[in-house]
Protein backbone atom coordinates (compact mmCIF):
# COMPACT_ATOMS: atom_id res chain seq x y z
CA MET A 1 -156.20 -87.03 16.27
CA ASN A 2 -156.93 -85.68 12.80
CA HIS A 3 -154.55 -83.48 10.78
CA THR A 4 -156.28 -80.24 11.77
CA ASP A 5 -156.06 -81.08 15.48
CA ILE A 6 -152.39 -82.02 15.13
CA LEU A 7 -151.62 -78.66 13.51
CA LEU A 8 -153.66 -76.66 16.03
CA CYS A 9 -152.02 -78.44 19.00
CA ASN A 10 -148.43 -78.47 17.75
CA TYR A 11 -147.87 -75.31 15.71
CA ASP A 12 -147.99 -71.61 16.43
CA HIS A 13 -151.45 -70.18 15.71
CA LYS A 14 -150.00 -67.10 13.98
CA LEU A 15 -148.06 -69.38 11.60
CA LEU A 16 -151.24 -71.31 10.77
CA GLU A 17 -153.11 -68.05 10.13
CA MET A 18 -150.41 -66.85 7.72
CA LEU A 19 -150.34 -70.22 5.95
CA THR A 20 -154.14 -70.20 5.66
CA GLY A 21 -154.07 -66.79 3.98
CA LYS A 22 -151.24 -67.88 1.72
CA LEU A 23 -152.92 -71.16 0.74
CA LEU A 24 -156.16 -69.33 -0.02
CA GLY A 25 -154.06 -67.00 -2.17
CA ASP A 26 -150.87 -67.72 -4.06
CA GLY A 27 -149.47 -70.56 -1.97
CA ASN A 28 -149.55 -74.26 -2.71
CA ILE A 29 -148.19 -77.56 -1.54
CA THR A 30 -146.04 -79.25 -4.19
CA ILE A 31 -146.92 -82.88 -4.57
CA GLN A 32 -144.42 -85.06 -6.44
CA LYS A 33 -144.48 -88.82 -6.69
CA ASN A 34 -142.17 -90.52 -4.18
CA ARG A 35 -141.22 -87.17 -2.59
CA LYS A 36 -142.31 -85.42 0.57
CA PRO A 37 -144.54 -82.37 0.09
CA ARG A 38 -143.16 -78.84 0.16
CA PHE A 39 -144.75 -75.43 0.51
CA ARG A 40 -144.31 -72.88 -2.28
CA PHE A 41 -145.52 -69.43 -3.23
CA GLY A 42 -144.64 -66.96 -5.94
CA HIS A 43 -145.36 -63.38 -6.87
CA SER A 44 -144.83 -61.23 -9.93
CA ILE A 45 -141.74 -59.07 -10.04
CA LYS A 46 -143.81 -56.00 -9.11
CA ASP A 47 -144.78 -57.76 -5.85
CA ARG A 48 -141.20 -58.65 -4.91
CA ASP A 49 -141.44 -56.75 -1.60
CA TRP A 50 -144.53 -58.74 -0.57
CA CYS A 51 -142.74 -61.98 -1.45
CA VAL A 52 -139.75 -60.99 0.69
CA HIS A 53 -142.03 -59.90 3.55
CA CYS A 54 -143.86 -63.25 3.52
CA TYR A 55 -140.57 -65.12 3.44
CA GLN A 56 -139.25 -63.12 6.41
CA LYS A 57 -142.41 -63.69 8.48
CA LEU A 58 -142.63 -67.42 7.70
CA ALA A 59 -138.89 -68.20 7.89
CA GLY A 60 -138.98 -67.85 11.67
CA PHE A 61 -141.27 -70.88 11.79
CA LEU A 62 -140.54 -72.94 8.67
CA PRO A 63 -137.52 -74.28 6.77
CA LEU A 64 -137.71 -71.96 3.73
CA ASN A 65 -135.25 -71.14 1.00
CA PRO A 66 -134.89 -67.40 0.30
CA PRO A 67 -136.84 -65.86 -2.61
CA LYS A 68 -135.47 -66.70 -6.05
CA TYR A 69 -135.95 -64.82 -9.30
CA ARG A 70 -137.41 -66.69 -12.28
CA ARG A 71 -138.15 -65.64 -15.85
CA VAL A 72 -140.85 -67.71 -17.53
CA ILE A 73 -141.16 -67.78 -21.31
CA ASP A 74 -144.83 -67.59 -22.34
CA SER A 75 -145.93 -66.56 -25.82
CA ARG A 76 -149.43 -65.72 -24.53
CA ILE A 77 -148.05 -62.79 -22.55
CA LYS A 78 -147.23 -59.44 -24.11
CA GLY A 79 -143.46 -59.38 -24.33
CA GLY A 80 -143.28 -63.19 -24.42
CA PHE A 81 -142.27 -63.76 -20.79
CA SER A 82 -143.13 -63.05 -17.18
CA GLU A 83 -140.84 -62.43 -14.25
CA LEU A 84 -141.47 -63.59 -10.72
CA TYR A 85 -139.99 -64.31 -7.34
CA TYR A 86 -140.80 -67.56 -5.60
CA VAL A 87 -140.10 -69.20 -2.27
CA GLN A 88 -139.97 -72.95 -1.78
CA SER A 89 -139.62 -74.80 1.49
CA LYS A 90 -137.50 -77.70 2.46
CA THR A 91 -139.46 -80.72 3.68
CA ASP A 92 -141.10 -80.68 7.10
CA PRO A 93 -143.90 -82.73 8.73
CA ILE A 94 -146.22 -79.67 8.77
CA PHE A 95 -146.48 -79.82 4.97
CA ALA A 96 -147.68 -83.44 5.01
CA HIS A 97 -150.50 -82.42 7.37
CA LEU A 98 -151.37 -79.39 5.23
CA LYS A 99 -151.40 -81.58 2.11
CA GLU A 100 -153.91 -83.94 3.72
CA ILE A 101 -156.14 -81.01 4.72
CA TRP A 102 -155.90 -78.87 1.55
CA TYR A 103 -155.69 -81.47 -1.24
CA ASN A 104 -157.88 -84.22 -2.59
CA ASN A 105 -155.20 -86.31 -4.30
CA THR A 106 -153.47 -83.54 -6.27
CA VAL A 107 -156.41 -81.10 -6.50
CA LYS A 108 -156.46 -78.18 -4.09
CA VAL A 109 -159.77 -77.82 -2.24
CA ILE A 110 -160.83 -75.28 0.36
CA PRO A 111 -161.04 -77.10 3.72
CA LYS A 112 -163.98 -75.17 5.13
CA GLU A 113 -163.71 -76.44 8.72
CA PHE A 114 -159.97 -75.71 8.84
CA VAL A 115 -160.36 -72.25 7.31
CA GLU A 116 -163.26 -71.50 9.65
CA LYS A 117 -160.97 -72.10 12.65
CA LEU A 118 -158.18 -69.96 11.22
CA MET A 119 -160.01 -67.11 9.47
CA THR A 120 -158.65 -64.16 11.42
CA PRO A 121 -157.74 -60.59 10.48
CA LEU A 122 -154.18 -61.82 9.78
CA SER A 123 -155.19 -64.70 7.48
CA LEU A 124 -157.71 -62.45 5.74
CA ALA A 125 -155.05 -59.75 5.23
CA TRP A 126 -152.61 -62.26 3.72
CA TRP A 127 -155.30 -63.63 1.42
CA TYR A 128 -156.31 -60.13 0.34
CA GLN A 129 -152.68 -59.14 -0.31
CA ASP A 130 -152.20 -62.25 -2.45
CA ASP A 131 -155.47 -62.40 -4.39
CA GLY A 132 -157.63 -59.50 -3.29
CA HIS A 133 -158.90 -56.53 -5.23
CA LEU A 134 -160.69 -53.36 -4.17
CA LYS A 135 -163.35 -52.52 -6.76
CA MET A 136 -163.73 -48.79 -7.14
CA LYS A 137 -166.31 -46.63 -8.88
CA GLY A 138 -164.62 -43.31 -9.39
CA ASN A 139 -162.97 -42.67 -6.04
CA ILE A 140 -165.55 -44.63 -4.06
CA PRO A 141 -164.80 -48.20 -2.88
CA GLN A 142 -167.61 -50.52 -3.98
CA LYS A 143 -166.52 -53.94 -2.76
CA ILE A 144 -163.61 -56.19 -1.97
CA ILE A 145 -163.09 -59.17 -4.23
CA LEU A 146 -161.17 -62.20 -2.96
CA SER A 147 -160.12 -64.83 -5.48
CA THR A 148 -158.88 -68.31 -4.78
C-alpha cells in the first residue's frame, strides 16, 4: 500500500480534508535531520482567531501543542518585527506519511493525485482562509485567488 492509501484507509476523511487545505495554505511538515517529522502552521497576529479555530478542530485528531505567540525581528518589515501565532504538533506516524506525499526531499510539492482525492468544500475553505483572496472591482467580486 502506498502512503496515500494508508492515510485514506486509516485516518478520518474530515481530518485529511482539513490537512489538505492547511498544507495547500500555511501549513508545512517540519523536516529535521535525525528527527521525526512534525506538522506546523502559523498565522499573523490579526488571524489569531483562525489559528485557534484550526487548532481546536485538528486537536481532536492529532497530537498538537496549543497556539504560541512569537515575535519575529525583521528589518524588512515596517516597524522591524512581525507577530504571529503558531501551532506545532508532537510526532505521529501520520506526519511521516504526509511528508512522503507532500515533499520531494525537503521541497514541498503539490501532490496532484492526493489533492484530487481530497479537494472538497472543506479543504477548499481551509485553503481559501489561509491563502485566498477575493479580488474586487468597486463592490463587485471579480475572482477568487488561491495562492500556495
